[in-house]
């Protein structure tokens, strides 16, 4: 598959056939993905390969509190887990909302679950003194995560970036022996998708790119 095709068709795969993802194939996926960039090329990225069913079940369970809030906010017409607009959903509403299976069961049903971690001692968090949620540290881990998904697509497999378990990060760290100075960045289930999508819906270039300023003219071919 050509690179452009891989980039245009790598989708969030959550339903899997149950076919195995062999270690040798996963190794080749990681072998290619490891060339992702990181700040200062410090390569603080780590990935934990989780096949044990009991551990994957525990990861799924750790997703449930965040999944319940996510669903409750969706029902209330809010943007879930938004760091700018405070939620009006109460703790009681969250507790009464079932966790959607689509947000948790992928961890149980995938061929393998990858837990991505970044060493906070080697990232340059340029936004650490700004009055907002930090995002810059992610530049040293998410290119690696996305490379894994691109390489998985090339190999006929698929997965999705999930972050619900990160809301329970201390428990994830304890479960997997992750040091406190390493951030859990993503939990990615991988498997053979039941259906391989070939057409994705995304905003057009003119809707996301603008000339010279945030409110400038839409960027076009010319």
N, C-alpha and C. Protein backbone atom coordinates (compact mmCIF):
# COMPACT_ATOMS: atom_id res chain seq x y z
N UNK A 1 0.84 -1.19 0.00
CA UNK A 1 0.00 0.00 0.00
C UNK A 1 0.88 1.24 0.00
N UNK A 2 0.56 2.21 -0.84
CA UNK A 2 1.32 3.45 -0.91
C UNK A 2 1.14 4.27 0.37
N UNK A 3 2.15 5.08 0.70
CA UNK A 3 2.10 5.89 1.92
C UNK A 3 0.85 6.77 1.95
N UNK A 4 0.53 7.43 0.83
CA UNK A 4 -0.64 8.29 0.80
C UNK A 4 -1.91 7.52 1.11
N UNK A 5 -2.00 6.30 0.61
CA UNK A 5 -3.18 5.47 0.87
C UNK A 5 -3.26 5.08 2.34
N UNK A 6 -2.12 4.74 2.93
CA UNK A 6 -2.09 4.40 4.35
C UNK A 6 -2.55 5.58 5.19
N UNK A 7 -2.05 6.78 4.87
CA UNK A 7 -2.40 7.98 5.63
C UNK A 7 -3.88 8.33 5.47
N UNK A 8 -4.44 8.06 4.31
CA UNK A 8 -5.83 8.43 4.05
C UNK A 8 -6.84 7.38 4.53
N UNK A 9 -6.36 6.19 4.93
CA UNK A 9 -7.29 5.12 5.28
C UNK A 9 -7.05 4.51 6.66
N UNK A 10 -6.10 5.06 7.44
CA UNK A 10 -5.88 4.54 8.78
C UNK A 10 -6.99 5.06 9.69
N UNK A 11 -7.86 4.18 10.13
CA UNK A 11 -9.06 4.57 10.86
C UNK A 11 -9.02 4.01 12.29
N UNK A 12 -9.96 4.47 13.11
CA UNK A 12 -10.06 3.98 14.48
C UNK A 12 -10.77 2.64 14.49
N UNK A 13 -10.01 1.57 14.53
CA UNK A 13 -10.57 0.21 14.50
C UNK A 13 -10.85 -0.27 15.91
N UNK A 14 -12.11 -0.63 16.17
CA UNK A 14 -12.51 -1.07 17.50
C UNK A 14 -13.12 -2.47 17.52
N UNK A 15 -13.46 -2.99 16.34
CA UNK A 15 -14.05 -4.33 16.25
C UNK A 15 -13.07 -5.26 15.56
N UNK A 16 -12.76 -6.39 16.20
CA UNK A 16 -11.71 -7.27 15.71
C UNK A 16 -12.23 -8.68 15.46
N UNK A 17 -11.58 -9.36 14.53
CA UNK A 17 -11.99 -10.70 14.13
C UNK A 17 -11.59 -11.77 15.14
N UNK A 18 -10.61 -11.46 15.97
CA UNK A 18 -10.07 -12.47 16.88
C UNK A 18 -8.83 -13.15 16.33
N UNK A 19 -8.47 -12.84 15.07
CA UNK A 19 -7.23 -13.38 14.51
C UNK A 19 -6.03 -12.88 15.31
N UNK A 20 -5.01 -13.70 15.49
CA UNK A 20 -3.84 -13.27 16.26
C UNK A 20 -3.01 -12.24 15.52
N UNK A 21 -2.32 -11.43 16.29
CA UNK A 21 -1.29 -10.53 15.75
C UNK A 21 0.03 -11.10 16.26
N UNK A 22 0.73 -11.88 15.44
CA UNK A 22 1.93 -12.58 15.91
C UNK A 22 3.03 -11.63 16.37
N UNK A 23 3.87 -12.13 17.25
CA UNK A 23 4.97 -11.32 17.77
C UNK A 23 5.89 -10.81 16.66
N UNK A 24 6.14 -11.64 15.64
CA UNK A 24 7.06 -11.21 14.60
C UNK A 24 6.48 -10.06 13.79
N UNK A 25 5.16 -10.07 13.57
CA UNK A 25 4.52 -8.96 12.85
C UNK A 25 4.52 -7.71 13.72
N UNK A 26 4.19 -7.87 14.99
CA UNK A 26 4.20 -6.72 15.90
C UNK A 26 5.61 -6.14 16.03
N UNK A 27 6.60 -7.00 16.05
CA UNK A 27 7.99 -6.52 16.13
C UNK A 27 8.30 -5.65 14.91
N UNK A 28 7.90 -6.08 13.73
CA UNK A 28 8.17 -5.30 12.52
C UNK A 28 7.42 -3.97 12.55
N UNK A 29 6.21 -3.96 13.11
CA UNK A 29 5.46 -2.71 13.26
C UNK A 29 6.24 -1.74 14.15
N UNK A 30 6.72 -2.23 15.27
CA UNK A 30 7.49 -1.39 16.20
C UNK A 30 8.84 -1.00 15.61
N UNK A 31 9.42 -1.89 14.83
CA UNK A 31 10.71 -1.62 14.19
C UNK A 31 10.62 -0.41 13.27
N UNK A 32 9.54 -0.31 12.52
CA UNK A 32 9.34 0.84 11.64
C UNK A 32 8.94 2.08 12.44
N UNK A 33 8.03 1.89 13.39
CA UNK A 33 7.47 3.03 14.13
C UNK A 33 8.50 3.75 14.99
N UNK A 34 9.55 3.04 15.41
CA UNK A 34 10.52 3.64 16.34
C UNK A 34 11.28 4.81 15.74
N UNK A 35 11.19 5.03 14.44
CA UNK A 35 11.88 6.15 13.81
C UNK A 35 11.11 7.46 13.92
N UNK A 36 10.04 7.47 14.68
CA UNK A 36 9.30 8.71 14.93
C UNK A 36 10.19 9.71 15.66
N UNK A 37 9.99 11.01 15.43
CA UNK A 37 10.79 12.02 16.10
C UNK A 37 10.38 12.20 17.56
N UNK A 38 11.29 12.76 18.33
CA UNK A 38 10.99 13.15 19.72
C UNK A 38 11.84 14.38 20.04
N UNK A 39 11.42 15.13 21.04
CA UNK A 39 12.13 16.34 21.40
C UNK A 39 13.59 16.10 21.70
N UNK A 40 14.49 16.81 20.97
CA UNK A 40 15.92 16.64 21.19
C UNK A 40 16.41 15.24 20.85
N UNK A 41 15.60 14.45 20.17
CA UNK A 41 15.90 13.05 19.88
C UNK A 41 16.26 12.29 21.16
N UNK A 42 15.61 12.66 22.26
CA UNK A 42 15.92 12.01 23.55
C UNK A 42 15.24 10.65 23.69
N UNK A 43 14.25 10.41 22.88
CA UNK A 43 13.64 9.07 22.78
C UNK A 43 13.19 8.52 24.14
N UNK A 44 12.38 9.33 24.82
CA UNK A 44 11.84 8.89 26.11
C UNK A 44 10.61 8.03 25.98
N UNK A 45 10.32 7.58 24.75
CA UNK A 45 9.14 6.76 24.52
C UNK A 45 9.38 5.31 24.92
N UNK A 46 8.37 4.72 25.53
CA UNK A 46 8.38 3.31 25.91
C UNK A 46 7.02 2.72 25.57
N UNK A 47 6.98 1.44 25.28
CA UNK A 47 5.71 0.77 25.01
C UNK A 47 5.69 -0.58 25.71
N UNK A 48 4.60 -0.86 26.38
CA UNK A 48 4.43 -2.12 27.09
C UNK A 48 3.45 -2.99 26.30
N UNK A 49 3.89 -4.16 25.90
CA UNK A 49 3.08 -5.08 25.10
C UNK A 49 2.31 -5.99 26.06
N UNK A 50 1.00 -5.84 26.08
CA UNK A 50 0.16 -6.57 27.04
C UNK A 50 -0.70 -7.59 26.30
N UNK A 51 -0.40 -8.87 26.53
CA UNK A 51 -1.22 -9.94 25.97
C UNK A 51 -2.03 -10.66 27.04
N UNK A 52 -1.58 -10.64 28.27
CA UNK A 52 -2.27 -11.35 29.34
C UNK A 52 -3.71 -10.87 29.47
N UNK A 53 -4.65 -11.81 29.41
CA UNK A 53 -6.07 -11.43 29.41
C UNK A 53 -6.48 -10.77 30.72
N UNK A 54 -5.98 -11.25 31.84
CA UNK A 54 -6.36 -10.67 33.13
C UNK A 54 -5.91 -9.22 33.22
N UNK A 55 -4.72 -8.93 32.71
CA UNK A 55 -4.22 -7.55 32.74
C UNK A 55 -5.05 -6.67 31.82
N UNK A 56 -5.40 -7.19 30.64
CA UNK A 56 -6.23 -6.41 29.71
C UNK A 56 -7.62 -6.16 30.30
N UNK A 57 -8.14 -7.12 31.03
CA UNK A 57 -9.43 -6.93 31.70
C UNK A 57 -9.33 -5.80 32.74
N UNK A 58 -8.22 -5.77 33.45
CA UNK A 58 -8.04 -4.71 34.46
C UNK A 58 -7.91 -3.34 33.80
N UNK A 59 -7.24 -3.29 32.65
CA UNK A 59 -7.14 -2.02 31.92
C UNK A 59 -8.52 -1.57 31.46
N UNK A 60 -9.33 -2.52 31.02
CA UNK A 60 -10.70 -2.19 30.61
C UNK A 60 -11.50 -1.64 31.79
N UNK A 61 -11.33 -2.28 32.95
CA UNK A 61 -12.03 -1.81 34.15
C UNK A 61 -11.60 -0.39 34.53
N UNK A 62 -10.31 -0.09 34.35
CA UNK A 62 -9.81 1.23 34.70
C UNK A 62 -10.32 2.31 33.75
N UNK A 63 -10.82 1.91 32.59
CA UNK A 63 -11.40 2.88 31.65
C UNK A 63 -12.81 3.30 32.07
N UNK A 64 -13.47 2.49 32.87
CA UNK A 64 -14.89 2.70 33.13
C UNK A 64 -15.23 4.03 33.78
N UNK A 65 -14.51 4.50 34.83
CA UNK A 65 -14.89 5.79 35.42
C UNK A 65 -14.87 6.94 34.41
N UNK A 66 -13.82 7.01 33.60
CA UNK A 66 -13.75 8.08 32.60
C UNK A 66 -14.78 7.88 31.51
N UNK A 67 -15.07 6.62 31.16
CA UNK A 67 -16.07 6.34 30.13
C UNK A 67 -17.47 6.74 30.60
N UNK A 68 -17.76 6.55 31.88
CA UNK A 68 -19.06 6.95 32.42
C UNK A 68 -19.23 8.46 32.34
N UNK A 69 -18.17 9.20 32.71
CA UNK A 69 -18.25 10.66 32.60
C UNK A 69 -18.38 11.08 31.14
N UNK A 70 -17.63 10.43 30.27
CA UNK A 70 -17.69 10.74 28.83
C UNK A 70 -19.13 10.60 28.34
N UNK A 71 -19.77 9.49 28.66
CA UNK A 71 -21.12 9.23 28.19
C UNK A 71 -22.12 10.20 28.81
N UNK A 72 -21.95 10.49 30.09
CA UNK A 72 -22.87 11.42 30.76
C UNK A 72 -22.78 12.81 30.14
N UNK A 73 -21.58 13.24 29.81
CA UNK A 73 -21.43 14.56 29.20
C UNK A 73 -22.00 14.59 27.78
N UNK A 74 -21.84 13.51 27.04
CA UNK A 74 -22.43 13.43 25.70
C UNK A 74 -23.95 13.56 25.80
N UNK A 75 -24.54 12.85 26.76
CA UNK A 75 -25.99 12.90 26.95
C UNK A 75 -26.44 14.31 27.32
N UNK A 76 -25.58 15.06 28.00
CA UNK A 76 -25.92 16.43 28.41
C UNK A 76 -25.59 17.46 27.33
N UNK A 77 -25.12 16.99 26.18
CA UNK A 77 -24.80 17.90 25.09
C UNK A 77 -23.49 18.64 25.25
N UNK A 78 -22.60 18.09 26.08
CA UNK A 78 -21.32 18.73 26.33
C UNK A 78 -20.21 18.08 25.51
N UNK A 79 -19.09 18.77 25.42
CA UNK A 79 -17.88 18.20 24.84
C UNK A 79 -17.14 17.48 25.97
N UNK A 80 -17.06 16.14 25.93
CA UNK A 80 -16.55 15.38 27.08
C UNK A 80 -15.12 15.73 27.49
N UNK A 81 -14.92 15.80 28.77
CA UNK A 81 -13.60 16.01 29.35
C UNK A 81 -12.92 17.28 28.83
N UNK A 82 -13.71 18.28 28.50
CA UNK A 82 -13.18 19.53 27.98
C UNK A 82 -12.49 20.30 29.11
N UNK A 83 -11.28 20.79 28.84
CA UNK A 83 -10.50 21.49 29.86
C UNK A 83 -10.81 22.98 29.91
N UNK A 84 -11.63 23.47 29.00
CA UNK A 84 -11.93 24.90 28.93
C UNK A 84 -13.31 25.22 29.54
N UNK A 85 -14.32 24.44 29.15
CA UNK A 85 -15.68 24.68 29.63
C UNK A 85 -16.01 23.70 30.75
N UNK A 86 -16.25 24.19 31.97
CA UNK A 86 -16.56 23.29 33.09
C UNK A 86 -17.83 22.48 32.83
N UNK A 87 -17.83 21.25 33.27
CA UNK A 87 -19.00 20.41 33.10
C UNK A 87 -20.10 20.78 34.08
N UNK A 88 -21.36 20.61 33.66
CA UNK A 88 -22.50 20.81 34.54
C UNK A 88 -23.07 19.46 35.00
N UNK A 89 -22.46 18.39 34.55
CA UNK A 89 -22.90 17.06 34.93
C UNK A 89 -22.46 16.76 36.36
N UNK A 90 -23.35 16.24 37.17
CA UNK A 90 -23.04 15.97 38.57
C UNK A 90 -22.41 14.60 38.75
N UNK A 91 -21.78 14.42 39.90
CA UNK A 91 -21.19 13.12 40.22
C UNK A 91 -22.25 12.02 40.23
N UNK A 92 -23.44 12.36 40.72
CA UNK A 92 -24.53 11.37 40.76
C UNK A 92 -24.95 10.96 39.35
N UNK A 93 -25.01 11.95 38.44
CA UNK A 93 -25.36 11.63 37.05
C UNK A 93 -24.32 10.72 36.42
N UNK A 94 -23.06 11.02 36.68
CA UNK A 94 -21.98 10.20 36.15
C UNK A 94 -22.07 8.77 36.69
N UNK A 95 -22.30 8.66 38.00
CA UNK A 95 -22.37 7.33 38.62
C UNK A 95 -23.53 6.51 38.07
N UNK A 96 -24.61 7.19 37.66
CA UNK A 96 -25.79 6.48 37.16
C UNK A 96 -25.71 6.16 35.67
N UNK A 97 -24.67 6.62 35.01
CA UNK A 97 -24.53 6.41 33.57
C UNK A 97 -23.68 5.16 33.29
N UNK A 98 -24.20 4.21 32.54
CA UNK A 98 -23.40 3.02 32.21
C UNK A 98 -22.21 3.39 31.32
N UNK A 99 -21.12 2.70 31.50
CA UNK A 99 -19.95 2.90 30.64
C UNK A 99 -20.21 2.22 29.30
N UNK A 100 -20.16 2.95 28.19
CA UNK A 100 -20.41 2.33 26.88
C UNK A 100 -19.40 1.23 26.60
N UNK A 101 -19.89 0.09 26.17
CA UNK A 101 -19.01 -1.05 25.90
C UNK A 101 -17.97 -0.71 24.83
N UNK A 102 -18.35 0.14 23.88
CA UNK A 102 -17.42 0.49 22.79
C UNK A 102 -16.17 1.18 23.30
N UNK A 103 -16.26 1.77 24.49
CA UNK A 103 -15.11 2.49 25.04
C UNK A 103 -14.24 1.63 25.94
N UNK A 104 -14.68 0.43 26.25
CA UNK A 104 -13.92 -0.40 27.18
C UNK A 104 -13.59 -1.80 26.62
N UNK A 105 -14.51 -2.36 25.86
CA UNK A 105 -14.36 -3.76 25.46
C UNK A 105 -13.24 -4.01 24.45
N UNK A 106 -12.79 -2.95 23.77
CA UNK A 106 -11.68 -3.12 22.84
C UNK A 106 -10.45 -3.67 23.55
N UNK A 107 -10.26 -3.28 24.80
CA UNK A 107 -9.11 -3.75 25.55
C UNK A 107 -9.19 -5.25 25.82
N UNK A 108 -10.39 -5.75 25.98
CA UNK A 108 -10.59 -7.18 26.26
C UNK A 108 -10.50 -8.02 24.98
N UNK A 109 -10.98 -7.47 23.88
CA UNK A 109 -11.18 -8.27 22.67
C UNK A 109 -10.07 -8.15 21.63
N UNK A 110 -9.16 -7.21 21.81
CA UNK A 110 -8.08 -7.04 20.85
C UNK A 110 -7.08 -8.20 20.94
N UNK A 111 -6.28 -8.34 19.90
CA UNK A 111 -5.23 -9.36 19.93
C UNK A 111 -4.14 -9.01 20.93
N UNK A 112 -3.89 -7.71 21.06
CA UNK A 112 -2.86 -7.23 21.97
C UNK A 112 -3.19 -5.79 22.34
N UNK A 113 -2.76 -5.37 23.50
CA UNK A 113 -2.92 -3.98 23.93
C UNK A 113 -1.54 -3.39 24.17
N UNK A 114 -1.30 -2.23 23.58
CA UNK A 114 -0.03 -1.53 23.76
C UNK A 114 -0.25 -0.32 24.67
N UNK A 115 0.57 -0.22 25.70
CA UNK A 115 0.49 0.92 26.61
C UNK A 115 1.72 1.79 26.37
N UNK A 116 1.49 3.01 25.91
CA UNK A 116 2.57 3.93 25.56
C UNK A 116 2.86 4.86 26.73
N UNK A 117 4.15 5.01 27.01
CA UNK A 117 4.61 5.77 28.17
C UNK A 117 5.72 6.71 27.71
N UNK A 118 5.79 7.90 28.33
CA UNK A 118 6.88 8.82 28.02
C UNK A 118 7.58 9.24 29.30
N UNK A 119 8.90 9.28 29.24
CA UNK A 119 9.73 9.67 30.38
C UNK A 119 9.69 11.18 30.52
N UNK A 120 9.04 11.69 31.56
CA UNK A 120 8.87 13.13 31.73
C UNK A 120 10.18 13.84 32.05
N UNK A 121 11.21 13.09 32.39
CA UNK A 121 12.50 13.71 32.71
C UNK A 121 13.24 14.18 31.46
N UNK A 122 12.82 13.72 30.28
CA UNK A 122 13.57 14.05 29.08
C UNK A 122 12.75 14.84 28.06
N UNK A 123 11.51 15.23 28.41
CA UNK A 123 10.71 16.03 27.48
C UNK A 123 10.87 17.51 27.81
N UNK A 124 10.81 18.35 26.78
CA UNK A 124 10.88 19.80 26.95
C UNK A 124 9.46 20.35 26.91
N UNK A 125 8.89 20.59 28.07
CA UNK A 125 7.49 21.04 28.17
C UNK A 125 7.45 22.56 28.11
N UNK A 126 7.51 23.10 26.91
CA UNK A 126 7.59 24.54 26.71
C UNK A 126 6.37 25.29 27.23
N UNK A 127 5.27 24.57 27.42
CA UNK A 127 4.05 25.24 27.86
C UNK A 127 3.78 25.04 29.35
N UNK A 128 4.78 24.62 30.10
CA UNK A 128 4.53 24.29 31.51
C UNK A 128 4.15 25.48 32.36
N UNK A 129 4.49 26.71 31.95
CA UNK A 129 4.16 27.89 32.74
C UNK A 129 2.95 28.65 32.21
N UNK A 130 2.30 28.12 31.20
CA UNK A 130 1.10 28.75 30.67
C UNK A 130 -0.12 28.36 31.49
N UNK A 131 -1.12 29.24 31.49
CA UNK A 131 -2.32 28.99 32.28
C UNK A 131 -3.33 28.17 31.46
N UNK A 132 -2.93 26.97 31.12
CA UNK A 132 -3.80 26.04 30.40
C UNK A 132 -3.24 24.64 30.55
N UNK A 133 -4.02 23.68 30.11
CA UNK A 133 -3.58 22.29 30.11
C UNK A 133 -2.37 22.13 29.17
N UNK A 134 -1.33 21.45 29.63
CA UNK A 134 -0.15 21.25 28.81
C UNK A 134 -0.39 20.25 27.69
N UNK A 135 0.15 20.54 26.51
CA UNK A 135 0.03 19.62 25.38
C UNK A 135 1.38 19.33 24.72
N UNK A 136 2.36 20.18 24.95
CA UNK A 136 3.61 20.09 24.20
C UNK A 136 4.37 18.79 24.46
N UNK A 137 4.31 18.28 25.67
CA UNK A 137 5.03 17.04 25.98
C UNK A 137 4.61 15.89 25.09
N UNK A 138 3.37 15.94 24.61
CA UNK A 138 2.87 14.89 23.74
C UNK A 138 3.62 14.77 22.43
N UNK A 139 4.33 15.85 22.05
CA UNK A 139 5.09 15.81 20.80
C UNK A 139 6.20 14.77 20.83
N UNK A 140 6.59 14.33 22.03
CA UNK A 140 7.66 13.34 22.15
C UNK A 140 7.15 11.91 22.25
N UNK A 141 5.82 11.72 22.15
CA UNK A 141 5.30 10.36 22.23
C UNK A 141 4.25 10.06 21.16
N UNK A 142 3.41 11.03 20.81
CA UNK A 142 2.31 10.72 19.88
C UNK A 142 2.75 10.47 18.44
N UNK A 143 3.84 11.06 17.95
CA UNK A 143 4.31 10.63 16.64
C UNK A 143 4.64 9.13 16.60
N UNK A 144 5.20 8.61 17.69
CA UNK A 144 5.50 7.19 17.78
C UNK A 144 4.21 6.37 17.79
N UNK A 145 3.23 6.83 18.56
CA UNK A 145 1.94 6.11 18.63
C UNK A 145 1.30 6.06 17.25
N UNK A 146 1.30 7.20 16.55
CA UNK A 146 0.66 7.24 15.24
C UNK A 146 1.43 6.40 14.22
N UNK A 147 2.75 6.41 14.32
CA UNK A 147 3.55 5.55 13.44
C UNK A 147 3.16 4.07 13.61
N UNK A 148 2.90 3.68 14.86
CA UNK A 148 2.48 2.30 15.11
C UNK A 148 1.17 2.00 14.39
N UNK A 149 0.22 2.92 14.46
CA UNK A 149 -1.06 2.70 13.80
C UNK A 149 -0.93 2.69 12.27
N UNK A 150 -0.06 3.55 11.74
CA UNK A 150 0.18 3.55 10.30
C UNK A 150 0.81 2.23 9.86
N UNK A 151 1.80 1.77 10.62
CA UNK A 151 2.47 0.52 10.28
C UNK A 151 1.53 -0.68 10.45
N UNK A 152 0.66 -0.61 11.44
CA UNK A 152 -0.33 -1.68 11.63
C UNK A 152 -1.29 -1.73 10.45
N UNK A 153 -1.71 -0.57 9.97
CA UNK A 153 -2.59 -0.51 8.80
C UNK A 153 -1.90 -1.13 7.59
N UNK A 154 -0.62 -0.81 7.40
CA UNK A 154 0.15 -1.35 6.29
C UNK A 154 0.20 -2.88 6.37
N UNK A 155 0.23 -3.41 7.60
CA UNK A 155 0.33 -4.86 7.81
C UNK A 155 -1.03 -5.54 7.83
N UNK A 156 -2.11 -4.78 7.64
CA UNK A 156 -3.44 -5.37 7.62
C UNK A 156 -4.13 -5.43 8.96
N UNK A 157 -3.56 -4.75 9.95
CA UNK A 157 -4.16 -4.71 11.29
C UNK A 157 -4.63 -3.29 11.58
N UNK A 158 -5.24 -3.09 12.74
CA UNK A 158 -5.72 -1.76 13.08
C UNK A 158 -5.95 -1.63 14.56
N UNK A 159 -6.13 -0.41 14.99
CA UNK A 159 -6.38 -0.13 16.40
C UNK A 159 -6.87 1.29 16.56
N UNK A 160 -6.84 1.78 17.78
CA UNK A 160 -7.27 3.15 18.03
C UNK A 160 -6.56 3.69 19.26
N UNK A 161 -6.31 4.98 19.26
CA UNK A 161 -5.71 5.64 20.42
C UNK A 161 -6.80 5.83 21.47
N UNK A 162 -6.62 5.26 22.64
CA UNK A 162 -7.53 5.50 23.75
C UNK A 162 -6.75 6.13 24.90
N UNK A 163 -7.46 6.96 25.67
CA UNK A 163 -6.80 7.66 26.79
C UNK A 163 -7.64 7.63 28.06
N UNK A 164 -8.76 6.92 28.05
CA UNK A 164 -9.63 6.91 29.21
C UNK A 164 -8.93 6.39 30.47
N UNK A 165 -8.10 5.37 30.30
CA UNK A 165 -7.42 4.79 31.46
C UNK A 165 -6.45 5.77 32.11
N UNK A 166 -6.02 6.79 31.35
CA UNK A 166 -5.06 7.76 31.88
C UNK A 166 -5.66 8.54 33.04
N UNK A 167 -6.99 8.67 33.07
CA UNK A 167 -7.65 9.34 34.19
C UNK A 167 -7.39 8.61 35.50
N UNK A 168 -7.02 7.34 35.40
CA UNK A 168 -6.67 6.53 36.57
C UNK A 168 -5.17 6.17 36.53
N UNK A 169 -4.35 7.12 36.11
CA UNK A 169 -2.94 6.84 35.86
C UNK A 169 -2.21 6.16 37.02
N UNK A 170 -2.36 6.60 38.27
CA UNK A 170 -1.64 5.90 39.35
C UNK A 170 -1.95 4.40 39.42
N UNK A 171 -3.19 4.04 39.12
CA UNK A 171 -3.56 2.63 39.14
C UNK A 171 -2.96 1.88 37.96
N UNK A 172 -2.89 2.55 36.80
CA UNK A 172 -2.24 1.93 35.64
C UNK A 172 -0.76 1.75 35.92
N UNK A 173 -0.14 2.74 36.52
CA UNK A 173 1.29 2.65 36.87
C UNK A 173 1.53 1.48 37.83
N UNK A 174 0.66 1.35 38.81
CA UNK A 174 0.82 0.25 39.78
C UNK A 174 0.62 -1.10 39.10
N UNK A 175 -0.34 -1.18 38.21
CA UNK A 175 -0.65 -2.44 37.51
C UNK A 175 0.51 -2.91 36.66
N UNK A 176 1.19 -1.96 36.00
CA UNK A 176 2.22 -2.33 35.02
C UNK A 176 3.64 -2.00 35.49
N UNK A 177 3.80 -1.56 36.72
CA UNK A 177 5.13 -1.26 37.23
C UNK A 177 5.78 -0.05 36.58
N UNK A 178 4.97 0.94 36.23
CA UNK A 178 5.47 2.14 35.55
C UNK A 178 5.93 3.15 36.60
N UNK A 179 7.14 3.70 36.48
CA UNK A 179 7.62 4.69 37.45
C UNK A 179 6.74 5.94 37.47
N UNK A 180 6.72 6.63 38.60
CA UNK A 180 5.87 7.80 38.77
C UNK A 180 6.27 8.95 37.86
N UNK A 181 7.55 8.99 37.43
CA UNK A 181 7.99 10.09 36.57
C UNK A 181 7.84 9.76 35.08
N UNK A 182 7.08 8.73 34.79
CA UNK A 182 6.73 8.37 33.41
C UNK A 182 5.22 8.51 33.23
N UNK A 183 4.80 9.28 32.23
CA UNK A 183 3.38 9.52 32.00
C UNK A 183 2.79 8.46 31.08
N UNK A 184 1.64 7.94 31.47
CA UNK A 184 0.89 7.05 30.59
C UNK A 184 0.21 7.93 29.55
N UNK A 185 0.52 7.72 28.28
CA UNK A 185 0.08 8.63 27.23
C UNK A 185 -1.05 8.07 26.36
N UNK A 186 -1.06 6.77 26.16
CA UNK A 186 -2.10 6.16 25.33
C UNK A 186 -2.15 4.66 25.59
N UNK A 187 -3.34 4.12 25.47
CA UNK A 187 -3.54 2.67 25.52
C UNK A 187 -4.17 2.28 24.19
N UNK A 188 -3.45 1.47 23.42
CA UNK A 188 -3.85 1.19 22.04
C UNK A 188 -4.12 -0.30 21.85
N UNK A 189 -5.39 -0.69 21.72
CA UNK A 189 -5.69 -2.07 21.35
C UNK A 189 -5.42 -2.27 19.86
N UNK A 190 -4.88 -3.43 19.50
CA UNK A 190 -4.60 -3.75 18.10
C UNK A 190 -5.17 -5.13 17.77
N UNK A 191 -5.64 -5.26 16.55
CA UNK A 191 -6.14 -6.54 16.09
C UNK A 191 -6.47 -6.47 14.61
N UNK A 192 -7.01 -7.56 14.09
CA UNK A 192 -7.45 -7.60 12.69
C UNK A 192 -8.87 -7.03 12.64
N UNK A 193 -9.06 -5.88 11.97
CA UNK A 193 -10.39 -5.26 11.95
C UNK A 193 -11.42 -6.16 11.26
N UNK A 194 -12.63 -6.16 11.77
CA UNK A 194 -13.73 -6.88 11.14
C UNK A 194 -13.98 -6.31 9.76
N UNK A 195 -13.88 -4.99 9.64
CA UNK A 195 -14.09 -4.32 8.37
C UNK A 195 -12.98 -3.32 8.13
N UNK A 196 -12.36 -3.37 6.97
CA UNK A 196 -11.30 -2.43 6.62
C UNK A 196 -11.92 -1.23 5.89
N UNK A 197 -11.95 -0.09 6.54
CA UNK A 197 -12.51 1.10 5.91
C UNK A 197 -11.53 1.65 4.87
N UNK A 198 -12.07 2.20 3.80
CA UNK A 198 -11.23 2.77 2.75
C UNK A 198 -11.55 4.23 2.47
N UNK A 199 -12.65 4.73 3.06
CA UNK A 199 -13.00 6.14 2.87
C UNK A 199 -13.32 6.74 4.24
N UNK A 200 -12.59 7.79 4.60
CA UNK A 200 -12.80 8.46 5.88
C UNK A 200 -13.36 9.86 5.65
N UNK A 201 -14.12 10.35 6.61
CA UNK A 201 -14.67 11.70 6.53
C UNK A 201 -13.82 12.64 7.37
N UNK A 202 -13.25 13.63 6.73
CA UNK A 202 -12.44 14.63 7.42
C UNK A 202 -12.74 16.00 6.83
N UNK A 203 -12.48 17.06 7.61
CA UNK A 203 -12.67 18.41 7.10
C UNK A 203 -11.74 18.68 5.95
N UNK A 204 -12.21 19.48 5.00
CA UNK A 204 -11.40 19.84 3.84
C UNK A 204 -10.25 20.75 4.25
N UNK A 205 -9.21 20.81 3.43
CA UNK A 205 -8.06 21.67 3.69
C UNK A 205 -8.53 23.11 3.94
N UNK A 206 -9.48 23.57 3.15
CA UNK A 206 -9.95 24.96 3.27
C UNK A 206 -10.63 25.24 4.60
N UNK A 207 -11.02 24.18 5.32
CA UNK A 207 -11.67 24.35 6.62
C UNK A 207 -10.69 24.33 7.78
N UNK A 208 -9.45 23.92 7.51
CA UNK A 208 -8.50 23.79 8.62
C UNK A 208 -7.22 24.61 8.42
N UNK A 209 -7.00 25.12 7.20
CA UNK A 209 -5.77 25.86 6.91
C UNK A 209 -6.12 27.27 6.42
N UNK A 210 -5.42 28.28 7.00
CA UNK A 210 -5.73 29.67 6.69
C UNK A 210 -4.45 30.45 6.44
N UNK A 211 -4.55 31.46 5.60
CA UNK A 211 -3.38 32.25 5.22
C UNK A 211 -3.08 33.34 6.25
N UNK A 212 -1.87 33.32 6.78
CA UNK A 212 -1.25 34.41 7.54
C UNK A 212 -1.79 34.64 8.94
N UNK A 213 -3.04 34.27 9.27
CA UNK A 213 -3.57 34.47 10.61
C UNK A 213 -4.70 33.49 10.87
N UNK A 214 -5.09 33.36 12.13
CA UNK A 214 -6.12 32.39 12.51
C UNK A 214 -7.42 32.65 11.76
N UNK A 215 -7.73 33.92 11.53
CA UNK A 215 -8.97 34.26 10.83
C UNK A 215 -8.70 34.72 9.40
N UNK A 216 -7.57 34.28 8.83
CA UNK A 216 -7.23 34.64 7.47
C UNK A 216 -8.06 33.92 6.43
N UNK A 217 -7.75 34.16 5.19
CA UNK A 217 -8.46 33.51 4.10
C UNK A 217 -8.12 32.02 4.06
N UNK A 218 -9.09 31.20 3.71
CA UNK A 218 -8.82 29.77 3.59
C UNK A 218 -7.68 29.50 2.60
N UNK A 219 -6.84 28.55 2.96
CA UNK A 219 -5.73 28.18 2.08
C UNK A 219 -6.27 27.29 0.96
N UNK A 220 -5.99 27.67 -0.28
CA UNK A 220 -6.45 26.92 -1.43
C UNK A 220 -5.26 26.59 -2.33
N UNK A 221 -5.51 25.83 -3.36
CA UNK A 221 -4.44 25.45 -4.28
C UNK A 221 -3.86 26.66 -5.01
N UNK A 222 -4.65 27.72 -5.18
CA UNK A 222 -4.14 28.89 -5.89
C UNK A 222 -5.22 29.57 -6.67
